[in-house]
C-alpha atoms as a PDB file:
ATOM      1  CA  UNK A   1      -4.907 -25.295 -12.621  1.00  0.00           C
ATOM      2  CA  UNK A   2      -1.532 -25.798 -10.946  1.00  0.00           C
ATOM      3  CA  UNK A   3      -0.548 -22.188 -11.515  1.00  0.00           C
ATOM      4  CA  UNK A   4      -3.561 -21.032  -9.470  1.00  0.00           C
ATOM      5  CA  UNK A   5      -2.604 -23.425  -6.667  1.00  0.00           C
ATOM      6  CA  UNK A   6       0.943 -22.018  -6.655  1.00  0.00           C
ATOM      7  CA  UNK A   7      -0.449 -18.487  -6.606  1.00  0.00           C
ATOM      8  CA  UNK A   8      -2.762 -19.360  -3.699  1.00  0.00           C
ATOM      9  CA  UNK A   9       0.161 -20.856  -1.754  1.00  0.00           C
ATOM     10  CA  UNK A  10       2.208 -17.674  -2.269  1.00  0.00           C
ATOM     11  CA  UNK A  11      -0.762 -15.595  -1.136  1.00  0.00           C
ATOM     12  CA  UNK A  12      -1.226 -17.702   2.001  1.00  0.00           C
ATOM     13  CA  UNK A  13       2.476 -17.479   2.865  1.00  0.00           C
ATOM     14  CA  UNK A  14       2.476 -13.681   2.440  1.00  0.00           C
ATOM     15  CA  UNK A  15      -0.750 -13.364   4.455  1.00  0.00           C
ATOM     16  CA  UNK A  16       0.601 -15.266   7.449  1.00  0.00           C
ATOM     17  CA  UNK A  17       4.178 -13.976   7.309  1.00  0.00           C
ATOM     18  CA  UNK A  18       2.993 -10.424   6.720  1.00  0.00           C
ATOM     19  CA  UNK A  19       0.800 -10.499   9.809  1.00  0.00           C
ATOM     20  CA  UNK A  20       3.682 -11.828  11.929  1.00  0.00           C
ATOM     21  CA  UNK A  21       6.152  -9.371  10.400  1.00  0.00           C
ATOM     22  CA  UNK A  22       3.905  -6.436  11.218  1.00  0.00           C
ATOM     23  CA  UNK A  23       3.365  -7.589  14.789  1.00  0.00           C
ATOM     24  CA  UNK A  24       7.039  -8.179  15.575  1.00  0.00           C
ATOM     25  CA  UNK A  25       8.121  -5.038  13.728  1.00  0.00           C
ATOM     26  CA  UNK A  26       5.775  -2.974  15.860  1.00  0.00           C
ATOM     27  CA  UNK A  27       6.921  -4.842  18.989  1.00  0.00           C
ATOM     28  CA  UNK A  28      10.578  -4.057  18.206  1.00  0.00           C
ATOM     29  CA  UNK A  29       9.679  -0.391  17.870  1.00  0.00           C
ATOM     30  CA  UNK A  30       7.853  -0.481  21.210  1.00  0.00           C
ATOM     31  CA  UNK A  31      10.645  -2.225  23.150  1.00  0.00           C
ATOM     32  CA  UNK A  32      13.374   0.009  21.718  1.00  0.00           C
ATOM     33  CA  UNK A  33      11.360   3.173  22.363  1.00  0.00           C
ATOM     34  CA  UNK A  34      10.966   3.969  18.658  1.00  0.00           C
ATOM     35  CA  UNK A  35       7.195   3.539  18.822  1.00  0.00           C
ATOM     36  CA  UNK A  36       6.941   6.545  21.139  1.00  0.00           C
ATOM     37  CA  UNK A  37       6.596   8.772  18.102  1.00  0.00           C
ATOM     38  CA  UNK A  38       6.596   9.000  14.338  1.00  0.00           C
ATOM     39  CA  UNK A  39       9.044   6.089  13.804  1.00  0.00           C
ATOM     40  CA  UNK A  40       6.522   3.552  15.075  1.00  0.00           C
ATOM     41  CA  UNK A  41       3.936   4.591  12.489  1.00  0.00           C
ATOM     42  CA  UNK A  42       6.527   4.694   9.695  1.00  0.00           C
ATOM     43  CA  UNK A  43       7.836   1.233  10.620  1.00  0.00           C
ATOM     44  CA  UNK A  44       4.349  -0.257  10.678  1.00  0.00           C
ATOM     45  CA  UNK A  45       3.416   1.175   7.278  1.00  0.00           C
ATOM     46  CA  UNK A  46       6.797   0.223   5.802  1.00  0.00           C
ATOM     47  CA  UNK A  47       6.916  -3.405   6.901  1.00  0.00           C
ATOM     48  CA  UNK A  48       3.391  -4.079   5.654  1.00  0.00           C
ATOM     49  CA  UNK A  49       4.477  -2.694   2.260  1.00  0.00           C
ATOM     50  CA  UNK A  50       7.460  -5.052   1.999  1.00  0.00           C
ATOM     51  CA  UNK A  51       5.668  -7.425  -0.435  1.00  0.00           C
ATOM     52  CA  UNK A  52       4.941  -4.506  -2.785  1.00  0.00           C
ATOM     53  CA  UNK A  53       8.605  -3.496  -2.721  1.00  0.00           C
ATOM     54  CA  UNK A  54       9.961  -6.982  -3.415  1.00  0.00           C
ATOM     55  CA  UNK A  55       7.342  -7.791  -6.048  1.00  0.00           C
ATOM     56  CA  UNK A  56       7.852  -4.497  -7.867  1.00  0.00           C
ATOM     57  CA  UNK A  57      11.644  -4.747  -7.943  1.00  0.00           C
ATOM     58  CA  UNK A  58      11.640  -8.430  -8.940  1.00  0.00           C
ATOM     59  CA  UNK A  59       9.109  -7.701 -11.697  1.00  0.00           C
ATOM     60  CA  UNK A  60      11.579  -5.397 -13.488  1.00  0.00           C
ATOM     61  CA  UNK A  61      14.867  -7.114 -12.572  1.00  0.00           C
ATOM     62  CA  UNK A  62      13.966 -10.808 -12.883  1.00  0.00           C
ATOM     63  CA  UNK A  63      10.956 -10.819 -15.215  1.00  0.00           C
ATOM     64  CA  UNK A  64      11.141  -7.583 -17.278  1.00  0.00           C
ATOM     65  CA  UNK A  65       7.514  -6.732 -16.516  1.00  0.00           C
ATOM     66  CA  UNK A  66       7.448  -2.948 -15.924  1.00  0.00           C
ATOM     67  CA  UNK A  67       3.674  -2.629 -16.390  1.00  0.00           C
ATOM     68  CA  UNK A  68       3.023  -5.335 -13.806  1.00  0.00           C
ATOM     69  CA  UNK A  69       5.443  -3.651 -11.385  1.00  0.00           C
ATOM     70  CA  UNK A  70       3.660  -0.310 -11.672  1.00  0.00           C
ATOM     71  CA  UNK A  71       0.101  -1.642 -11.833  1.00  0.00           C
ATOM     72  CA  UNK A  72       0.728  -3.888  -8.825  1.00  0.00           C
ATOM     73  CA  UNK A  73       2.090  -1.033  -6.717  1.00  0.00           C
ATOM     74  CA  UNK A  74      -0.452   1.611  -7.755  1.00  0.00           C
ATOM     75  CA  UNK A  75      -3.193  -1.007  -7.614  1.00  0.00           C
ATOM     76  CA  UNK A  76      -2.226  -1.652  -3.998  1.00  0.00           C
ATOM     77  CA  UNK A  77      -2.921   2.025  -3.279  1.00  0.00           C
ATOM     78  CA  UNK A  78      -6.381   1.636  -4.781  1.00  0.00           C
ATOM     79  CA  UNK A  79      -6.992  -1.598  -2.874  1.00  0.00           C
ATOM     80  CA  UNK A  80      -5.907   0.048   0.399  1.00  0.00           C
ATOM     81  CA  UNK A  81      -8.720   2.538  -0.153  1.00  0.00           C
ATOM     82  CA  UNK A  82     -11.098  -0.380  -0.640  1.00  0.00           C
ATOM     83  CA  UNK A  83      -9.958  -1.803   2.714  1.00  0.00           C
ATOM     84  CA  UNK A  84     -10.678   1.550   4.405  1.00  0.00           C
ATOM     85  CA  UNK A  85     -14.200   1.389   2.959  1.00  0.00           C
ATOM     86  CA  UNK A  86     -14.723  -2.180   4.138  1.00  0.00           C
ATOM     87  CA  UNK A  87     -13.633  -1.260   7.682  1.00  0.00           C
ATOM     88  CA  UNK A  88     -17.142   0.179   7.953  1.00  0.00           C
ATOM     89  CA  UNK A  89     -18.360  -3.406   8.341  1.00  0.00           C
ATOM     90  CA  UNK A  90     -16.375  -3.650  11.597  1.00  0.00           C
ATOM     91  CA  UNK A  91     -17.363  -0.235  12.967  1.00  0.00           C
ATOM     92  CA  UNK A  92     -20.865  -1.330  13.988  1.00  0.00           C
ATOM     93  CA  UNK A  93     -23.330   1.563  13.843  1.00  0.00           C
ATOM     94  CA  UNK A  94     -20.954   4.483  13.162  1.00  0.00           C
ATOM     95  CA  UNK A  95     -19.045   5.129   9.914  1.00  0.00           C
ATOM     96  CA  UNK A  96     -15.252   4.865  10.189  1.00  0.00           C
ATOM     97  CA  UNK A  97     -14.938   8.445   8.919  1.00  0.00           C
ATOM     98  CA  UNK A  98     -16.847   9.548  12.021  1.00  0.00           C
ATOM     99  CA  UNK A  99     -14.663   7.528  14.416  1.00  0.00           C
ATOM    100  CA  UNK A 100     -11.151   8.584  13.379  1.00  0.00           C
ATOM    101  CA  UNK A 101      -9.184  11.813  13.725  1.00  0.00           C
ATOM    102  CA  UNK A 102      -9.580  14.429  11.011  1.00  0.00           C
ATOM    103  CA  UNK A 103      -5.769  14.733  10.949  1.00  0.00           C
ATOM    104  CA  UNK A 104      -5.725  11.854   8.440  1.00  0.00           C
ATOM    105  CA  UNK A 105      -6.596  14.488   5.854  1.00  0.00           C
ATOM    106  CA  UNK A 106      -2.909  15.409   5.828  1.00  0.00           C
ATOM    107  CA  UNK A 107      -1.924  11.901   4.719  1.00  0.00           C
ATOM    108  CA  UNK A 108      -4.714  11.935   2.125  1.00  0.00           C
ATOM    109  CA  UNK A 109      -3.481  15.247   0.722  1.00  0.00           C
ATOM    110  CA  UNK A 110       0.061  13.972   0.277  1.00  0.00           C
ATOM    111  CA  UNK A 111      -1.302  10.753  -1.229  1.00  0.00           C
ATOM    112  CA  UNK A 112      -3.273  12.725  -3.813  1.00  0.00           C
ATOM    113  CA  UNK A 113      -0.172  14.800  -4.606  1.00  0.00           C
ATOM    114  CA  UNK A 114       2.080  11.754  -5.077  1.00  0.00           C
ATOM    115  CA  UNK A 115      -0.433   9.802  -7.152  1.00  0.00           C
ATOM    116  CA  UNK A 116      -1.011  12.910  -9.267  1.00  0.00           C
ATOM    117  CA  UNK A 117       2.714  12.973 -10.015  1.00  0.00           C
ATOM    118  CA  UNK A 118       2.537   9.281 -10.964  1.00  0.00           C
ATOM    119  CA  UNK A 119      -0.342   9.889 -13.397  1.00  0.00           C
ATOM    120  CA  UNK A 120       1.475  12.922 -14.823  1.00  0.00           C
ATOM    121  CA  UNK A 121       4.673  10.944 -15.414  1.00  0.00           C
ATOM    122  CA  UNK A 122       2.828   8.048 -17.078  1.00  0.00           C
ATOM    123  CA  UNK A 123       0.870  10.333 -19.392  1.00  0.00           C
ATOM    124  CA  UNK A 124       3.383  13.081 -20.166  1.00  0.00           C
ATOM    125  CA  UNK A 125       6.759  11.837 -18.886  1.00  0.00           C
ATOM    126  CA  UNK A 126       8.175  11.611 -22.392  1.00  0.00           C
ATOM    127  CA  UNK A 127       8.239  15.417 -22.449  1.00  0.00           C
ATOM    128  CA  UNK A 128      10.278  15.640 -19.249  1.00  0.00           C
ATOM    129  CA  UNK A 129      14.098  15.613 -19.038  1.00  0.00           C
ATOM    130  CA  UNK A 130      15.911  12.402 -18.059  1.00  0.00           C
ATOM    131  CA  UNK A 131      18.735  12.137 -15.517  1.00  0.00           C
ATOM    132  CA  UNK A 132      21.045  10.153 -17.824  1.00  0.00           C
ATOM    133  CA  UNK A 133      23.887  10.130 -15.297  1.00  0.00           C
ATOM    134  CA  UNK A 134      21.616   8.126 -12.983  1.00  0.00           C
ATOM    135  CA  UNK A 135      20.741   5.262 -15.345  1.00  0.00           C
ATOM    136  CA  UNK A 136      17.954   7.187 -17.084  1.00  0.00           C
ATOM    137  CA  UNK A 137      16.010   7.855 -13.903  1.00  0.00           C
ATOM    138  CA  UNK A 138      13.051  10.188 -14.318  1.00  0.00           C
ATOM    139  CA  UNK A 139      13.256  13.407 -12.242  1.00  0.00           C
ATOM    140  CA  UNK A 140       9.795  12.665 -10.863  1.00  0.00           C
ATOM    141  CA  UNK A 141      11.254   9.612  -9.087  1.00  0.00           C
ATOM    142  CA  UNK A 142      13.564  11.884  -7.129  1.00  0.00           C
ATOM    143  CA  UNK A 143      10.544  14.070  -6.427  1.00  0.00           C
ATOM    144  CA  UNK A 144       8.656  11.021  -5.086  1.00  0.00           C
ATOM    145  CA  UNK A 145      11.328  10.515  -2.429  1.00  0.00           C
ATOM    146  CA  UNK A 146      11.471  14.216  -1.528  1.00  0.00           C
ATOM    147  CA  UNK A 147       7.681  14.517  -1.154  1.00  0.00           C
ATOM    148  CA  UNK A 148       7.524  11.256   0.820  1.00  0.00           C
ATOM    149  CA  UNK A 149      10.150  12.431   3.312  1.00  0.00           C
ATOM    150  CA  UNK A 150       8.448  15.833   3.572  1.00  0.00           C
ATOM    151  CA  UNK A 151       5.102  14.153   4.249  1.00  0.00           C
ATOM    152  CA  UNK A 152       6.602  12.034   7.029  1.00  0.00           C
ATOM    153  CA  UNK A 153       8.092  15.124   8.648  1.00  0.00           C
ATOM    154  CA  UNK A 154       4.868  17.143   8.511  1.00  0.00           C
ATOM    155  CA  UNK A 155       2.737  14.217   9.690  1.00  0.00           C
ATOM    156  CA  UNK A 156       5.117  13.812  12.621  1.00  0.00           C
ATOM    157  CA  UNK A 157       4.851  17.492  13.521  1.00  0.00           C
ATOM    158  CA  UNK A 158       1.063  17.468  13.256  1.00  0.00           C
ATOM    159  CA  UNK A 159       0.141  14.138  14.835  1.00  0.00           C
ATOM    160  CA  UNK A 160       2.965  13.145  17.196  1.00  0.00           C
ATOM    161  CA  UNK A 161       0.661  13.157  20.235  1.00  0.00           C
ATOM    162  CA  UNK A 162      -1.820  10.755  18.627  1.00  0.00           C
ATOM    163  CA  UNK A 163       0.965   8.501  17.343  1.00  0.00           C
ATOM    164  CA  UNK A 164       2.488   8.302  20.827  1.00  0.00           C
ATOM    165  CA  UNK A 165      -0.792   6.962  22.146  1.00  0.00           C
ATOM    166  CA  UNK A 166      -1.485   4.338  19.445  1.00  0.00           C
ATOM    167  CA  UNK A 167       1.677   3.183  17.692  1.00  0.00           C
ATOM    168  CA  UNK A 168       2.682   0.460  20.119  1.00  0.00           C
ATOM    169  CA  UNK A 169      -0.689  -1.147  20.849  1.00  0.00           C
ATOM    170  CA  UNK A 170      -0.726  -3.889  18.244  1.00  0.00           C
ATOM    171  CA  UNK A 171       2.583  -5.618  18.965  1.00  0.00           C
ATOM    172  CA  UNK A 172       2.038  -5.965  22.715  1.00  0.00           C
ATOM    173  CA  UNK A 173      -1.532  -7.191  22.416  1.00  0.00           C
ATOM    174  CA  UNK A 174      -0.976  -9.722  19.622  1.00  0.00           C
ATOM    175  CA  UNK A 175       2.576 -10.957  20.259  1.00  0.00           C
ATOM    176  CA  UNK A 176       2.332 -10.746  24.032  1.00  0.00           C
ATOM    177  CA  UNK A 177       4.214  -8.545  26.501  1.00  0.00           C
ATOM    178  CA  UNK A 178       6.580 -11.416  27.455  1.00  0.00           C
ATOM    179  CA  UNK A 179       8.225 -11.598  24.013  1.00  0.00           C
ATOM    180  CA  UNK A 180      11.864 -10.490  24.362  1.00  0.00           C
ATOM    181  CA  UNK A 181      13.520  -7.988  22.044  1.00  0.00           C
ATOM    182  CA  UNK A 182      16.027 -10.577  20.745  1.00  0.00           C
ATOM    183  CA  UNK A 183      13.242 -13.056  19.965  1.00  0.00           C
ATOM    184  CA  UNK A 184      11.197 -10.346  18.262  1.00  0.00           C
ATOM    185  CA  UNK A 185      14.173  -9.339  16.085  1.00  0.00           C
ATOM    186  CA  UNK A 186      14.890 -12.980  15.161  1.00  0.00           C
ATOM    187  CA  UNK A 187      11.294 -13.653  14.156  1.00  0.00           C
ATOM    188  CA  UNK A 188      11.109 -10.328  12.313  1.00  0.00           C
ATOM    189  CA  UNK A 189      14.134 -11.300  10.192  1.00  0.00           C
ATOM    190  CA  UNK A 190      12.762 -14.815   9.605  1.00  0.00           C
ATOM    191  CA  UNK A 191       9.377 -13.654   8.343  1.00  0.00           C
ATOM    192  CA  UNK A 192      11.062 -10.911   6.278  1.00  0.00           C
ATOM    193  CA  UNK A 193      13.051 -13.572   4.411  1.00  0.00           C
ATOM    194  CA  UNK A 194       9.931 -15.700   3.887  1.00  0.00           C
ATOM    195  CA  UNK A 195       8.049 -12.742   2.411  1.00  0.00           C
ATOM    196  CA  UNK A 196      10.971 -11.827   0.141  1.00  0.00           C
ATOM    197  CA  UNK A 197      11.127 -15.364  -1.263  1.00  0.00           C
ATOM    198  CA  UNK A 198       7.353 -15.647  -1.744  1.00  0.00           C
ATOM    199  CA  UNK A 199       7.036 -12.189  -3.290  1.00  0.00           C
ATOM    200  CA  UNK A 200       9.758 -12.955  -5.852  1.00  0.00           C
ATOM    201  CA  UNK A 201       7.522 -15.641  -7.365  1.00  0.00           C
ATOM    202  CA  UNK A 202       4.473 -13.402  -7.800  1.00  0.00           C
ATOM    203  CA  UNK A 203       5.425 -11.553 -11.042  1.00  0.00           C
ATOM    204  CA  UNK A 204       6.301 -14.807 -12.825  1.00  0.00           C
ATOM    205  CA  UNK A 205       3.098 -16.474 -11.662  1.00  0.00           C
ATOM    206  CA  UNK A 206       1.110 -13.416 -12.686  1.00  0.00           C
ATOM    207  CA  UNK A 207       2.651 -13.496 -16.157  1.00  0.00           C
ATOM    208  CA  UNK A 208       1.708 -17.178 -16.584  1.00  0.00           C
ATOM    209  CA  UNK A 209      -1.866 -16.494 -15.412  1.00  0.00           C
ATOM    210  CA  UNK A 210      -2.066 -13.652 -17.925  1.00  0.00           C
ATOM    211  CA  UNK A 211      -0.956 -15.942 -20.758  1.00  0.00           C
ATOM    212  CA  UNK A 212      -3.445 -18.646 -19.780  1.00  0.00           C
ATOM    213  CA  UNK A 213      -6.395 -16.318 -19.335  1.00  0.00           C
ATOM    214  CA  UNK A 214      -5.583 -13.654 -21.920  1.00  0.00           C
ATOM    215  CA  UNK A 215      -5.912 -10.960 -19.273  1.00  0.00           C
ATOM    216  CA  UNK A 216      -3.629  -7.951 -19.668  1.00  0.00           C
ATOM    217  CA  UNK A 217      -0.439  -7.461 -17.666  1.00  0.00           C
ATOM    218  CA  UNK A 218      -1.786  -4.268 -16.101  1.00  0.00           C
ATOM    219  CA  UNK A 219      -5.079  -5.907 -15.074  1.00  0.00           C
ATOM    220  CA  UNK A 220      -3.239  -8.853 -13.474  1.00  0.00           C
ATOM    221  CA  UNK A 221      -0.988  -6.449 -11.576  1.00  0.00           C
ATOM    222  CA  UNK A 222      -3.772  -4.138 -10.436  1.00  0.00           C
ATOM    223  CA  UNK A 223      -6.054  -6.962  -9.296  1.00  0.00           C
ATOM    224  CA  UNK A 224      -4.362 -10.245  -8.333  1.00  0.00           C
ATOM    225  CA  UNK A 225      -0.859  -8.922  -7.557  1.00  0.00           C
ATOM    226  CA  UNK A 226      -2.142  -5.796  -5.787  1.00  0.00           C
ATOM    227  CA  UNK A 227      -4.539  -7.759  -3.580  1.00  0.00           C
ATOM    228  CA  UNK A 228      -1.935 -10.398  -2.711  1.00  0.00           C
ATOM    229  CA  UNK A 229       0.788  -7.922  -1.779  1.00  0.00           C
ATOM    230  CA  UNK A 230      -1.750  -5.940   0.288  1.00  0.00           C
ATOM    231  CA  UNK A 231      -2.559  -8.918   2.516  1.00  0.00           C
ATOM    232  CA  UNK A 232      -0.287  -7.692   5.373  1.00  0.00           C
ATOM    233  CA  UNK A 233      -2.051  -4.313   5.376  1.00  0.00           C
ATOM    234  CA  UNK A 234      -5.409  -6.090   5.489  1.00  0.00           C
ATOM    235  CA  UNK A 235      -4.332  -8.293   8.394  1.00  0.00           C
ATOM    236  CA  UNK A 236      -2.888  -5.459  10.480  1.00  0.00           C
ATOM    237  CA  UNK A 237      -5.745  -3.056   9.779  1.00  0.00           C
ATOM    238  CA  UNK A 238      -8.486  -5.603  10.503  1.00  0.00           C
ATOM    239  CA  UNK A 239      -6.715  -6.659  13.711  1.00  0.00           C
ATOM    240  CA  UNK A 240      -6.418  -3.032  14.812  1.00  0.00           C
ATOM    241  CA  UNK A 241     -10.060  -2.341  13.912  1.00  0.00           C
ATOM    242  CA  UNK A 242     -11.276  -5.333  15.909  1.00  0.00           C
ATOM    243  CA  UNK A 243      -9.330  -3.941  18.874  1.00  0.00           C
ATOM    244  CA  UNK A 244     -11.170  -0.656  18.361  1.00  0.00           C
ATOM    245  CA  UNK A 245      -8.035   1.138  17.074  1.00  0.00           C
ATOM    246  CA  UNK A 246      -9.601   2.477  13.877  1.00  0.00           C
ATOM    247  CA  UNK A 247      -7.172   5.402  13.841  1.00  0.00           C
ATOM    248  CA  UNK A 248      -4.285   2.967  13.729  1.00  0.00           C
ATOM    249  CA  UNK A 249      -5.936   0.933  10.955  1.00  0.00           C
ATOM    250  CA  UNK A 250      -6.555   3.979   8.753  1.00  0.00           C
ATOM    251  CA  UNK A 251      -3.103   5.460   9.458  1.00  0.00           C
ATOM    252  CA  UNK A 252      -1.460   2.180   8.424  1.00  0.00           C
ATOM    253  CA  UNK A 253      -3.319   2.067   5.109  1.00  0.00           C
ATOM    254  CA  UNK A 254      -2.733   5.729   4.253  1.00  0.00           C
ATOM    255  CA  UNK A 255       0.929   5.472   5.299  1.00  0.00           C
ATOM    256  CA  UNK A 256       1.333   2.396   3.101  1.00  0.00           C
ATOM    257  CA  UNK A 257      -0.023   4.387   0.157  1.00  0.00           C
ATOM    258  CA  UNK A 258       2.653   7.031   0.618  1.00  0.00           C
ATOM    259  CA  UNK A 259       5.381   4.398   0.861  1.00  0.00           C
ATOM    260  CA  UNK A 260       4.032   2.595  -2.225  1.00  0.00           C
ATOM    261  CA  UNK A 261       4.754   5.652  -4.375  1.00  0.00           C
ATOM    262  CA  UNK A 262       8.259   5.814  -2.898  1.00  0.00           C
ATOM    263  CA  UNK A 263       8.588   2.166  -3.982  1.00  0.00           C
ATOM    264  CA  UNK A 264       8.076   3.294  -7.589  1.00  0.00           C
ATOM    265  CA  UNK A 265      11.158   5.509  -7.236  1.00  0.00           C
ATOM    266  CA  UNK A 266      13.211   2.549  -5.978  1.00  0.00           C
ATOM    267  CA  UNK A 267      11.908   0.364  -8.809  1.00  0.00           C
ATOM    268  CA  UNK A 268      12.767   3.073 -11.333  1.00  0.00           C
ATOM    269  CA  UNK A 269      16.365   3.005 -10.082  1.00  0.00           C
ATOM    270  CA  UNK A 270      16.429  -0.777 -10.626  1.00  0.00           C
ATOM    271  CA  UNK A 271      14.945  -0.569 -14.127  1.00  0.00           C
ATOM    272  CA  UNK A 272      17.949   0.123 -16.348  1.00  0.00           C
ATOM    273  CA  UNK A 273      16.171   0.363 -19.709  1.00  0.00           C
ATOM    274  CA  UNK A 274      14.856   3.878 -19.145  1.00  0.00           C
ATOM    275  CA  UNK A 275      12.371   5.768 -16.972  1.00  0.00           C
ATOM    276  CA  UNK A 276      10.018   3.165 -15.484  1.00  0.00           C
ATOM    277  CA  UNK A 277       6.729   5.064 -15.733  1.00  0.00           C
ATOM    278  CA  UNK A 278       7.372   5.910 -19.382  1.00  0.00           C
ATOM    279  CA  UNK A 279       7.762   2.198 -20.215  1.00  0.00           C
ATOM    280  CA  UNK A 280       4.360   1.105 -18.946  1.00  0.00           C
ATOM    281  CA  UNK A 281       0.953   0.914 -20.576  1.00  0.00           C
ATOM    282  CA  UNK A 282      -0.647   4.416 -20.410  1.00  0.00           C
ATOM    283  CA  UNK A 283      -3.852   2.861 -19.058  1.00  0.00           C
ATOM    284  CA  UNK A 284      -2.079   2.538 -15.697  1.00  0.00           C
ATOM    285  CA  UNK A 285      -2.609   6.265 -15.210  1.00  0.00           C
ATOM    286  CA  UNK A 286      -6.329   5.507 -14.787  1.00  0.00           C
ATOM    287  CA  UNK A 287      -5.582   3.475 -11.639  1.00  0.00           C
ATOM    288  CA  UNK A 288      -3.570   6.339 -10.176  1.00  0.00           C
ATOM    289  CA  UNK A 289      -6.380   8.792 -10.982  1.00  0.00           C
ATOM    290  CA  UNK A 290      -9.014   6.491  -9.452  1.00  0.00           C
ATOM    291  CA  UNK A 291      -6.871   6.143  -6.310  1.00  0.00           C
ATOM    292  CA  UNK A 292      -6.742   9.951  -6.132  1.00  0.00           C
ATOM    293  CA  UNK A 293     -10.531  10.059  -6.428  1.00  0.00           C
ATOM    294  CA  UNK A 294     -10.862   7.526  -3.610  1.00  0.00           C
ATOM    295  CA  UNK A 295      -8.536   9.593  -1.411  1.00  0.00           C
ATOM    296  CA  UNK A 296     -10.628  12.677  -2.191  1.00  0.00           C
ATOM    297  CA  UNK A 297     -13.719  10.769  -1.029  1.00  0.00           C
ATOM    298  CA  UNK A 298     -11.904   9.940   2.224  1.00  0.00           C
ATOM    299  CA  UNK A 299     -11.181  13.662   2.718  1.00  0.00           C
ATOM    300  CA  UNK A 300     -14.867  14.428   2.114  1.00  0.00           C
ATOM    301  CA  UNK A 301     -15.856  11.768   4.635  1.00  0.00           C
ATOM    302  CA  UNK A 302     -13.433  13.076   7.249  1.00  0.00           C
ATOM    303  CA  UNK A 303     -14.760  16.606   6.760  1.00  0.00           C
ATOM    304  CA  UNK A 304     -18.490  15.871   6.608  1.00  0.00           C
ATOM    305  CA  UNK A 305     -18.322  13.108   9.298  1.00  0.00           C
ATOM    306  CA  UNK A 306     -21.653  11.460   8.544  1.00  0.00           C
ATOM    307  CA  UNK A 307     -23.283   9.491  11.343  1.00  0.00           C
ATOM    308  CA  UNK A 308     -25.443   7.312   9.094  1.00  0.00           C
ATOM    309  CA  UNK A 309     -24.917   4.058   7.237  1.00  0.00           C
ATOM    310  CA  UNK A 310     -26.766   2.354   4.414  1.00  0.00           C
ATOM    311  CA  UNK A 311     -26.927  -1.215   5.719  1.00  0.00           C
ATOM    312  CA  UNK A 312     -23.271  -1.892   6.632  1.00  0.00           C
ATOM    313  CA  UNK A 313     -21.530   0.901   4.696  1.00  0.00           C
ATOM    314  CA  UNK A 314     -21.575   4.684   4.849  1.00  0.00           C
ATOM    315  CA  UNK A 315     -21.995   6.807   1.737  1.00  0.00           C
ATOM    316  CA  UNK A 316     -18.258   7.527   1.406  1.00  0.00           C
ATOM    317  CA  UNK A 317     -17.440   3.812   1.714  1.00  0.00           C
ATOM    318  CA  UNK A 318     -19.944   2.950  -1.018  1.00  0.00           C
ATOM    319  CA  UNK A 319     -18.421   5.621  -3.281  1.00  0.00           C
ATOM    320  CA  UNK A 320     -14.928   4.144  -2.775  1.00  0.00           C
ATOM    321  CA  UNK A 321     -16.217   0.652  -3.636  1.00  0.00           C
ATOM    322  CA  UNK A 322     -17.746   2.006  -6.867  1.00  0.00           C
ATOM    323  CA  UNK A 323     -14.481   3.752  -7.802  1.00  0.00           C
ATOM    324  CA  UNK A 324     -12.555   0.513  -7.166  1.00  0.00           C
ATOM    325  CA  UNK A 325     -14.844  -1.444  -9.484  1.00  0.00           C
ATOM    326  CA  UNK A 326     -14.540   1.252 -12.173  1.00  0.00           C
ATOM    327  CA  UNK A 327     -10.721   1.252 -11.909  1.00  0.00           C
ATOM    328  CA  UNK A 328     -10.479  -2.491 -12.497  1.00  0.00           C
ATOM    329  CA  UNK A 329     -13.152  -2.433 -15.204  1.00  0.00           C
ATOM    330  CA  UNK A 330     -11.124   0.130 -17.155  1.00  0.00           C
ATOM    331  CA  UNK A 331      -8.006  -2.060 -16.998  1.00  0.00           C
ATOM    332  CA  UNK A 332      -9.934  -5.204 -17.944  1.00  0.00           C
ATOM    333  CA  UNK A 333     -11.722  -3.595 -20.896  1.00  0.00           C
ATOM    334  CA  UNK A 334      -8.511  -1.916 -22.107  1.00  0.00           C
ATOM    335  CA  UNK A 335      -7.091  -5.321 -23.013  1.00  0.00           C
END
């Protein structure tokens, strides 16, 4: 019982601190001029992914839980897709896919590419060469970083006009225009430290919950850990959606997906026992594949641009919800 209370406290701390971190991070970008372009979008997606980074690294360095590190990070990608689907509830009579720019297809394409590489490494990485001079880092981890940086460059080139118009809205409206740069930086650092401390406890708590319930490490990571570390993305995206900035909400979630795969490369560098993705349960590849399927559904929705909903959700949103349930069912039944 107490372990669930501790987990709930960690979740609440990450939820609140993550929302503040995102707001002040975006405000810093606005006041320094960085939010006038691509940097503002990158900063927003990066700071909301901070819990995933800390949890993933601490899972392999402090708790020796590689499967939980990978399932938590990839599971966050899948959960981000679920959040995009649930944004339909806030979009009133029009589907979200009909309200946002079709340029998000570029982010979806890179997300599918990166997650495909993740699934490939988990399933067939043992046949690939290992960079032994770099602490047994898999070559795909280097490729993750290269593709991530390439995606940021191309997204900047393609969407810089739209980013200029939307990247700085959230910080000013939520934190207030009177907040000084020094105060914003101080609060940003404070909430960063709080999130780091709270996120370090998550892998250990998840392991104890797994032992008490008998649930598998991968299922715990893909469900409880993934949802908890995605709380900042939920807060920022819902806030943006309520302000009518659905483009900003979707861009944040898709950008966080790209950064999450880059996190796997960082975690691989911290895991000294061998290539990270080759040390995890192969069933984790199913989560990556399901996340790819969900991204493909988003591309279909952005292309078809349906104007109808079934009750509160459009057809593409319902499909994403079904894929999310299937992904977690596979992990649960596999253990």
